[in-house]
Amino acid sequence: MGDLNYSELTRRGPPNPNMPWEGAASLTPTGYPTVYRGREVIRPLEIPNYHPLVEDSPINDNDAMVKQIIGKGCGLASLITENLLIHPFIVLRRQCQVNPISKKYHVVPITLIPVIIRLHQTQGLNTLWKGIGSVLLVRGLTLAVEDLVSKVTPWPKELTHLSFKSLGQHILLKCVSIGVVTPFYSASLVETVQSEVASERPGVLDVFRDGAIRLLDVGNKGRLIPIYALLPPTIVCSVVKYLFTISVKSIASHIMRTRHKYTQESQGAYSRDLISESAAQDIEIQSVLISMFTAEVIFYPFETVIQRLHLQGTRTIIDNLDTGRSVTALLTDYSGAADCYRNIISTEGPLGLYKGFGALIMQFAVHVLVLKSTKWILTEVGTFLRPKQKIPKSAPPSYYEI
């Protein structure tokens, strides 16, 4: 057999294993011999083609579980902080808001620090936790009323799908629940701001008794504003604030989800779920915080007016936060919400509507700090408990074998 040039060998194609070619007994998986005419055939280097954009890395069950625990832990910490830990700042806010004769407005947090120290020195550590029981009872009563109304009426308790009919029915449910709870909110407000050194400490269920008395007391006694006159401004302010909060939450959540998706695509991370469960939980918590803070800032002046109307004529004595060592009585004579607003602007200035705003800043600073600390602690614990992954060693390619 004569010599074959390259074109003839290529034209013939791969050798037939049945032909008596030299080295036909040792063939590659593609059918080519490893030895031809006493010489070893050099095959191309087989390198696996991995691309970071299309690589489907397996999901570690331990990592997913740790991230899920972190998300649930942050959600629980946010719930506890919202209902318990920030209550002292709510007490400070309300005492500043309802005091028409205070000289210090406490618009920034730094001015409240010496006042807090003096209150603790003169009245003890529990002075800023007054009224927490009534606040929790009123919140629970609100949820119970909403649940009851949603069961006896076709009005939805949650907005699952957005339509004019469902939105209107949901707003009606909110109006009814706020109207029912308003007398008890008024009684809870008194317990939150009244000084413990100048009044008796209320019982656990006194909020229901005082709320019922306020509801049944429809006569005009002195400067006390009846509940039926307080219902319109209270319901309007609460419902508009609620709608504003859910709107801001929806917009913030949409923006953060879009940014998260864009970040993943820019980094080449194509996954089945563009937003994992842990990322969705983080977005939910952040959007709730943004919406709450935005709503509190926007509606702060209106709440100042509403709270002064609720406390007028109740003979409430509050702590004097100008010094932190004395008390003062609330003596106001507003005829309504508009008169209260004009009176504050004329006598206290525009900043009078933002008295105690520094406590609001401290409230959300503590809220964010608790969430960040909880997430860091849970992440460190999860990293410590997560088992180390063993990287398997791949076998060398066949062309290195002798």
Protein backbone atom coordinates (compact mmCIF):
# COMPACT_ATOMS: atom_id res chain seq x y z
CA MET A 1 0.00 0.00 0.00
CA GLY A 2 1.53 3.27 -1.09
CA ASP A 3 1.72 6.43 0.91
CA LEU A 4 -1.48 8.42 1.29
CA ASN A 5 -1.50 12.15 1.19
CA TYR A 6 -3.75 14.30 3.40
CA SER A 7 -6.48 14.86 0.81
CA GLU A 8 -6.86 11.15 0.14
CA LEU A 9 -7.03 10.34 3.85
CA THR A 10 -9.66 13.00 4.41
CA ARG A 11 -11.68 11.86 1.43
CA ARG A 12 -11.75 8.29 2.66
CA GLY A 13 -13.17 9.34 6.05
CA PRO A 14 -12.65 7.43 9.29
CA PRO A 15 -11.25 3.93 8.97
CA ASN A 16 -13.47 0.90 9.24
CA PRO A 17 -12.74 -1.10 12.41
CA ASN A 18 -13.10 -4.35 10.38
CA MET A 19 -10.23 -3.35 8.09
CA PRO A 20 -6.75 -4.54 9.10
CA TRP A 21 -5.51 -1.09 9.90
CA GLU A 22 -2.72 -0.82 12.37
CA GLY A 23 -4.09 0.15 15.78
CA ALA A 24 -7.71 -0.61 14.83
CA ALA A 25 -8.10 -2.59 18.03
CA SER A 26 -7.60 0.58 20.06
CA LEU A 27 -10.09 3.07 18.71
CA THR A 28 -11.37 6.31 20.11
CA PRO A 29 -15.08 6.68 20.89
CA THR A 30 -15.45 8.51 17.56
CA GLY A 31 -14.03 5.63 15.60
CA TYR A 32 -10.54 6.93 14.82
CA PRO A 33 -7.47 4.73 15.47
CA THR A 34 -4.95 5.73 18.10
CA VAL A 35 -1.95 4.40 16.10
CA TYR A 36 -1.41 4.79 12.42
CA ARG A 37 1.65 3.30 10.68
CA GLY A 38 3.51 2.89 13.96
CA ARG A 39 2.94 6.45 15.07
CA GLU A 40 0.59 7.71 17.78
CA VAL A 41 -2.29 9.81 16.54
CA ILE A 42 -2.52 13.09 18.46
CA ARG A 43 -6.11 14.00 19.18
CA PRO A 44 -7.37 17.51 19.99
CA LEU A 45 -7.48 18.52 23.61
CA GLU A 46 -10.96 17.84 25.02
CA ILE A 47 -11.94 20.82 27.14
CA PRO A 48 -15.48 21.00 28.53
CA ASN A 49 -17.31 24.07 27.33
CA TYR A 50 -18.69 25.86 30.39
CA HIS A 51 -20.14 29.32 30.12
CA PRO A 52 -21.09 31.39 33.15
CA LEU A 53 -24.26 32.60 31.48
CA VAL A 54 -25.72 29.18 30.83
CA GLU A 55 -24.19 27.14 33.60
CA ASP A 56 -26.92 25.58 35.71
CA SER A 57 -25.35 25.29 39.12
CA PRO A 58 -27.27 23.10 41.57
CA ILE A 59 -29.03 24.87 44.44
CA ASN A 60 -27.71 24.04 47.85
CA ASP A 61 -30.59 23.05 50.12
CA ASN A 62 -28.70 24.23 53.21
CA ASP A 63 -28.10 27.69 51.73
CA ALA A 64 -31.76 28.02 50.74
CA MET A 65 -32.87 26.99 54.23
CA VAL A 66 -30.48 29.43 55.91
CA LYS A 67 -31.68 32.30 53.70
CA GLN A 68 -35.28 31.40 54.44
CA ILE A 69 -34.59 31.41 58.19
CA ILE A 70 -32.86 34.80 57.90
CA GLY A 71 -35.84 36.26 56.04
CA LYS A 72 -38.37 34.94 58.56
CA GLY A 73 -36.19 36.10 61.46
CA CYS A 74 -36.01 39.62 60.04
CA GLY A 75 -39.77 39.63 59.53
CA LEU A 76 -40.36 38.57 63.12
CA ALA A 77 -37.90 41.18 64.39
CA SER A 78 -39.68 43.86 62.36
CA LEU A 79 -43.05 42.82 63.81
CA ILE A 80 -41.76 42.89 67.39
CA THR A 81 -40.03 46.24 66.85
CA GLU A 82 -43.12 47.80 65.27
CA ASN A 83 -45.42 46.75 68.11
CA LEU A 84 -43.16 46.82 71.19
CA LEU A 85 -39.68 48.29 70.92
CA ILE A 86 -40.63 51.63 69.36
CA HIS A 87 -43.39 52.38 71.88
CA PRO A 88 -41.23 54.78 73.98
CA PHE A 89 -40.71 56.97 70.91
CA ILE A 90 -44.47 56.98 70.25
CA VAL A 91 -44.99 58.22 73.82
CA LEU A 92 -42.45 61.00 73.29
CA ARG A 93 -43.97 61.97 69.94
CA ARG A 94 -47.50 62.22 71.27
CA GLN A 95 -46.53 64.18 74.39
CA CYS A 96 -44.76 66.72 72.19
CA GLN A 97 -47.56 66.87 69.62
CA VAL A 98 -50.40 67.55 72.07
CA ASN A 99 -48.61 70.19 74.15
CA PRO A 100 -49.58 73.65 72.82
CA ILE A 101 -47.50 75.67 75.30
CA SER A 102 -44.15 73.89 74.99
CA LYS A 103 -41.18 76.05 74.11
CA LYS A 104 -38.98 73.26 72.78
CA TYR A 105 -40.28 71.58 69.65
CA HIS A 106 -37.77 68.66 69.59
CA VAL A 107 -37.68 68.55 65.80
CA VAL A 108 -34.25 66.86 65.92
CA PRO A 109 -33.40 63.81 68.05
CA ILE A 110 -30.45 65.36 69.90
CA THR A 111 -32.68 67.61 72.02
CA LEU A 112 -34.68 64.63 73.32
CA ILE A 113 -31.73 62.73 74.79
CA PRO A 114 -31.33 64.86 77.97
CA VAL A 115 -35.12 64.85 78.43
CA ILE A 116 -35.20 61.04 78.30
CA ILE A 117 -32.42 60.87 80.87
CA ARG A 118 -34.27 63.22 83.25
CA LEU A 119 -37.54 61.29 82.85
CA HIS A 120 -35.80 58.06 83.77
CA GLN A 121 -34.15 59.72 86.77
CA THR A 122 -37.38 61.18 88.14
CA GLN A 123 -40.01 58.57 87.15
CA GLY A 124 -38.13 55.35 86.52
CA LEU A 125 -37.37 53.21 83.49
CA ASN A 126 -41.00 52.33 82.77
CA THR A 127 -42.17 55.90 82.28
CA LEU A 128 -41.93 55.68 78.50
CA TRP A 129 -43.79 52.35 78.34
CA LYS A 130 -47.10 53.68 79.64
CA GLY A 131 -50.17 52.81 77.62
CA ILE A 132 -48.52 49.97 75.73
CA GLY A 133 -51.22 47.53 76.83
CA SER A 134 -54.03 49.73 75.56
CA VAL A 135 -52.20 50.36 72.27
CA LEU A 136 -51.88 46.62 71.64
CA LEU A 137 -55.52 46.05 72.62
CA VAL A 138 -56.71 48.73 70.19
CA ARG A 139 -54.66 47.19 67.38
CA GLY A 140 -56.06 43.76 68.15
CA LEU A 141 -59.58 45.19 68.29
CA THR A 142 -59.07 46.80 64.89
CA LEU A 143 -58.03 43.46 63.35
CA ALA A 144 -60.98 41.71 65.01
CA VAL A 145 -63.50 44.26 63.72
CA GLU A 146 -62.07 44.06 60.19
CA ASP A 147 -62.27 40.27 60.28
CA LEU A 148 -65.87 40.33 61.55
CA VAL A 149 -67.01 42.89 58.99
CA SER A 150 -65.37 40.94 56.15
CA LYS A 151 -67.27 37.82 57.21
CA VAL A 152 -70.74 39.38 57.49
CA THR A 153 -70.35 41.52 54.36
CA PRO A 154 -68.88 40.90 50.89
CA TRP A 155 -66.25 43.54 51.57
CA PRO A 156 -62.69 42.16 51.19
CA LYS A 157 -60.26 42.46 54.07
CA GLU A 158 -57.28 42.36 51.70
CA LEU A 159 -56.87 43.72 48.19
CA THR A 160 -56.09 40.60 46.16
CA HIS A 161 -57.05 42.10 42.79
CA LEU A 162 -57.37 45.78 41.99
CA SER A 163 -60.72 46.98 40.69
CA PHE A 164 -62.95 49.94 41.46
CA LYS A 165 -65.55 47.72 43.12
CA SER A 166 -63.12 45.82 45.37
CA LEU A 167 -61.24 49.02 46.23
CA GLY A 168 -64.44 50.81 47.19
CA GLN A 169 -65.63 47.89 49.32
CA HIS A 170 -62.22 47.66 51.00
CA ILE A 171 -62.32 51.38 51.81
CA LEU A 172 -65.80 50.96 53.30
CA LEU A 173 -64.49 48.16 55.52
CA LYS A 174 -61.67 50.39 56.71
CA CYS A 175 -64.07 53.25 57.42
CA VAL A 176 -66.36 51.02 59.49
CA SER A 177 -63.49 49.49 61.50
CA ILE A 178 -61.88 52.87 62.19
CA GLY A 179 -65.24 54.33 63.21
CA VAL A 180 -65.90 51.50 65.67
CA VAL A 181 -62.41 51.69 67.20
CA THR A 182 -62.21 55.52 67.42
CA PRO A 183 -63.62 55.83 71.01
CA PHE A 184 -61.15 53.25 72.26
CA TYR A 185 -58.32 54.93 70.35
CA SER A 186 -59.21 58.15 72.16
CA ALA A 187 -59.04 56.39 75.55
CA SER A 188 -55.73 54.74 74.60
CA LEU A 189 -54.31 58.11 73.57
CA VAL A 190 -55.04 59.49 77.05
CA GLU A 191 -53.26 56.56 78.70
CA THR A 192 -50.25 57.03 76.42
CA VAL A 193 -49.60 60.70 77.16
CA GLN A 194 -50.78 61.22 80.75
CA SER A 195 -48.09 61.58 83.40
CA GLU A 196 -47.83 58.75 85.91
CA VAL A 197 -46.72 61.07 88.71
CA ALA A 198 -49.93 63.13 88.50
CA SER A 199 -52.53 60.41 87.82
CA GLU A 200 -53.32 56.86 88.76
CA ARG A 201 -51.96 54.07 86.64
CA PRO A 202 -54.84 52.63 84.54
CA GLY A 203 -55.78 48.98 84.58
CA VAL A 204 -55.30 46.57 81.72
CA LEU A 205 -58.92 46.68 80.49
CA ASP A 206 -59.69 50.28 81.45
CA VAL A 207 -59.37 51.28 77.80
CA PHE A 208 -62.63 49.45 77.01
CA ARG A 209 -64.44 51.09 79.92
CA ASP A 210 -63.18 54.58 79.10
CA GLY A 211 -63.87 54.06 75.40
CA ALA A 212 -67.46 53.00 76.10
CA ILE A 213 -67.97 56.03 78.34
CA ARG A 214 -66.57 58.30 75.64
CA LEU A 215 -68.87 56.68 73.07
CA LEU A 216 -72.03 57.06 75.19
CA ASP A 217 -71.17 60.59 76.29
CA VAL A 218 -72.80 62.51 73.46
CA GLY A 219 -73.68 65.61 75.44
CA ASN A 220 -71.63 68.78 75.25
CA LYS A 221 -69.72 69.00 78.51
CA GLY A 222 -67.28 71.87 78.58
CA ARG A 223 -64.57 71.72 75.96
CA LEU A 224 -64.86 67.94 75.41
CA ILE A 225 -65.52 67.23 71.73
CA PRO A 226 -68.07 64.42 71.23
CA ILE A 227 -67.09 61.31 69.33
CA TYR A 228 -69.50 61.93 66.45
CA ALA A 229 -67.67 65.20 65.74
CA LEU A 230 -64.28 63.44 65.85
CA LEU A 231 -65.28 60.60 63.51
CA PRO A 232 -65.07 62.47 60.14
CA PRO A 233 -61.53 63.89 60.52
CA THR A 234 -60.25 60.69 62.16
CA ILE A 235 -61.67 58.40 59.47
CA VAL A 236 -60.57 60.62 56.58
CA CYS A 237 -57.02 61.01 57.90
CA SER A 238 -56.63 57.30 58.69
CA VAL A 239 -58.05 56.04 55.37
CA VAL A 240 -56.07 58.48 53.22
CA LYS A 241 -52.90 57.62 55.14
CA TYR A 242 -53.60 53.90 54.66
CA LEU A 243 -54.13 54.28 50.89
CA PHE A 244 -50.99 56.40 50.63
CA THR A 245 -49.00 53.78 52.54
CA ILE A 246 -50.03 50.84 50.34
CA SER A 247 -49.42 52.92 47.20
CA VAL A 248 -45.88 53.84 48.27
CA LYS A 249 -45.25 50.24 49.30
CA SER A 250 -46.35 48.94 45.89
CA ILE A 251 -44.22 51.49 44.01
CA ALA A 252 -41.14 50.87 46.18
CA SER A 253 -41.52 47.09 45.84
CA HIS A 254 -41.85 47.35 42.04
CA ILE A 255 -38.75 49.56 41.77
CA MET A 256 -36.65 47.24 43.96
CA ARG A 257 -37.80 44.11 42.09
CA THR A 258 -36.96 45.73 38.74
CA ARG A 259 -33.54 46.79 40.03
CA HIS A 260 -32.89 43.28 41.40
CA LYS A 261 -33.80 41.72 38.05
CA TYR A 262 -31.60 44.17 36.16
CA THR A 263 -28.68 43.45 38.52
CA GLN A 264 -29.03 39.71 37.97
CA GLU A 265 -29.17 40.06 34.20
CA SER A 266 -26.17 42.42 34.13
CA GLN A 267 -24.14 39.89 36.14
CA GLY A 268 -25.19 37.05 33.85
CA ALA A 269 -27.12 35.12 36.49
CA TYR A 270 -29.95 33.44 34.66
CA SER A 271 -32.03 31.44 37.11
CA ARG A 272 -35.45 29.89 37.02
CA ASP A 273 -36.71 32.35 39.63
CA LEU A 274 -35.33 35.81 38.99
CA ILE A 275 -36.19 36.75 42.60
CA SER A 276 -35.52 34.13 45.24
CA GLU A 277 -37.60 33.78 48.38
CA SER A 278 -34.98 35.47 50.58
CA ALA A 279 -34.63 38.39 48.15
CA ALA A 280 -38.42 38.75 48.01
CA GLN A 281 -38.56 38.86 51.82
CA ASP A 282 -35.87 41.56 51.95
CA ILE A 283 -37.73 43.62 49.35
CA GLU A 284 -40.98 43.23 51.29
CA ILE A 285 -39.42 44.42 54.57
CA GLN A 286 -37.64 47.37 52.93
CA SER A 287 -40.73 48.48 51.02
CA VAL A 288 -42.80 48.35 54.23
CA LEU A 289 -40.24 50.51 56.06
CA ILE A 290 -40.10 53.04 53.21
CA SER A 291 -43.89 53.29 52.99
CA MET A 292 -44.31 53.62 56.77
CA PHE A 293 -41.68 56.36 57.10
CA THR A 294 -42.98 58.30 54.09
CA ALA A 295 -46.56 58.16 55.36
CA GLU A 296 -45.56 59.22 58.88
CA VAL A 297 -43.65 62.24 57.55
CA ILE A 298 -46.42 63.35 55.17
CA PHE A 299 -49.29 62.91 57.64
CA TYR A 300 -47.45 64.07 60.78
CA PRO A 301 -49.14 67.53 60.86
CA PHE A 302 -52.61 66.02 60.40
CA GLU A 303 -52.04 63.58 63.25
CA THR A 304 -50.97 66.47 65.47
CA VAL A 305 -54.32 68.16 64.83
CA ILE A 306 -56.35 64.95 65.31
CA GLN A 307 -54.65 64.05 68.59
CA ARG A 308 -55.20 67.51 70.06
CA LEU A 309 -58.90 67.28 69.24
CA HIS A 310 -59.16 63.87 70.92
CA LEU A 311 -57.53 65.11 74.13
CA GLN A 312 -59.38 68.40 74.42
CA GLY A 313 -61.52 68.52 77.55
CA THR A 314 -60.22 65.20 78.95
CA ARG A 315 -58.37 66.93 81.86
CA THR A 316 -55.18 65.11 80.92
CA ILE A 317 -51.90 66.05 82.65
CA ILE A 318 -48.75 65.28 80.66
CA ASP A 319 -45.02 65.44 81.30
CA ASN A 320 -43.40 68.74 80.48
CA LEU A 321 -40.78 67.77 77.92
CA ASP A 322 -39.19 71.21 78.03
CA THR A 323 -37.48 70.17 81.26
CA GLY A 324 -38.37 66.52 81.86
CA ARG A 325 -38.89 67.23 85.58
CA SER A 326 -42.38 68.76 85.78
CA VAL A 327 -45.92 68.24 84.47
CA THR A 328 -48.43 70.43 82.66
CA ALA A 329 -52.18 70.35 82.03
CA LEU A 330 -53.72 70.38 78.56
CA LEU A 331 -56.00 73.39 78.21
CA THR A 332 -57.19 73.97 74.67
CA ASP A 333 -60.37 75.33 73.13
CA TYR A 334 -60.55 74.32 69.49
CA SER A 335 -63.89 74.28 67.69
CA GLY A 336 -62.77 71.80 65.04
CA ALA A 337 -59.93 70.54 62.86
CA ALA A 338 -59.69 73.71 60.74
CA ASP A 339 -59.68 75.95 63.82
CA CYS A 340 -57.01 73.79 65.46
CA TYR A 341 -54.80 74.00 62.37
CA ARG A 342 -55.13 77.80 62.11
CA ASN A 343 -54.48 78.21 65.82
CA ILE A 344 -51.27 76.14 65.68
CA ILE A 345 -49.97 78.09 62.68
CA SER A 346 -50.71 81.47 64.26
CA THR A 347 -49.46 80.79 67.80
CA GLU A 348 -46.75 78.15 67.37
CA GLY A 349 -45.66 78.63 63.77
CA PRO A 350 -45.47 76.02 60.99
CA LEU A 351 -42.99 73.95 63.00
CA GLY A 352 -45.64 73.61 65.67
CA LEU A 353 -47.22 70.95 63.47
CA TYR A 354 -43.97 68.97 63.67
CA LYS A 355 -43.39 69.01 67.40
CA GLY A 356 -41.65 65.77 68.45
CA PHE A 357 -40.46 64.96 64.93
CA GLY A 358 -37.08 64.02 66.39
CA ALA A 359 -38.74 61.09 68.17
CA LEU A 360 -40.01 59.85 64.78
CA ILE A 361 -36.46 59.93 63.42
CA MET A 362 -35.21 58.00 66.45
CA GLN A 363 -38.08 55.52 66.05
CA PHE A 364 -37.16 54.54 62.50
CA ALA A 365 -33.42 54.65 63.25
CA VAL A 366 -33.96 52.05 65.98
CA HIS A 367 -36.20 50.04 63.66
CA VAL A 368 -33.56 49.90 60.93
CA LEU A 369 -30.80 49.17 63.47
CA VAL A 370 -32.74 46.21 64.90
CA LEU A 371 -33.34 44.77 61.43
CA LYS A 372 -29.70 45.18 60.39
CA SER A 373 -28.45 43.63 63.64
CA THR A 374 -30.89 40.72 63.37
CA LYS A 375 -29.89 40.00 59.79
CA TRP A 376 -26.18 40.17 60.64
CA ILE A 377 -26.53 37.85 63.64
CA LEU A 378 -28.63 35.30 61.73
CA THR A 379 -26.22 35.44 58.79
CA GLU A 380 -23.22 34.81 61.04
CA VAL A 381 -25.00 31.95 62.82
CA GLY A 382 -26.03 30.47 59.48
CA THR A 383 -22.46 30.71 58.16
CA PHE A 384 -21.17 28.98 61.29
CA LEU A 385 -23.73 26.17 61.08
CA ARG A 386 -23.55 25.69 57.32
CA PRO A 387 -21.54 22.53 56.46
CA LYS A 388 -18.48 23.03 54.34
CA GLN A 389 -18.87 21.84 50.78
CA LYS A 390 -16.41 19.27 49.49
CA ILE A 391 -15.13 20.03 46.02
CA PRO A 392 -14.76 16.75 44.08
CA LYS A 393 -11.55 16.27 42.16
CA SER A 394 -12.16 15.58 38.48
CA ALA A 395 -10.34 12.67 36.86
CA PRO A 396 -7.59 13.57 34.38
CA PRO A 397 -8.44 13.27 30.66
CA SER A 398 -7.83 9.98 28.93
CA TYR A 399 -5.00 11.29 26.79
CA TYR A 400 -2.81 11.58 29.92
CA GLU A 401 -3.15 7.87 30.58
CA ILE A 402 -0.31 5.59 29.43
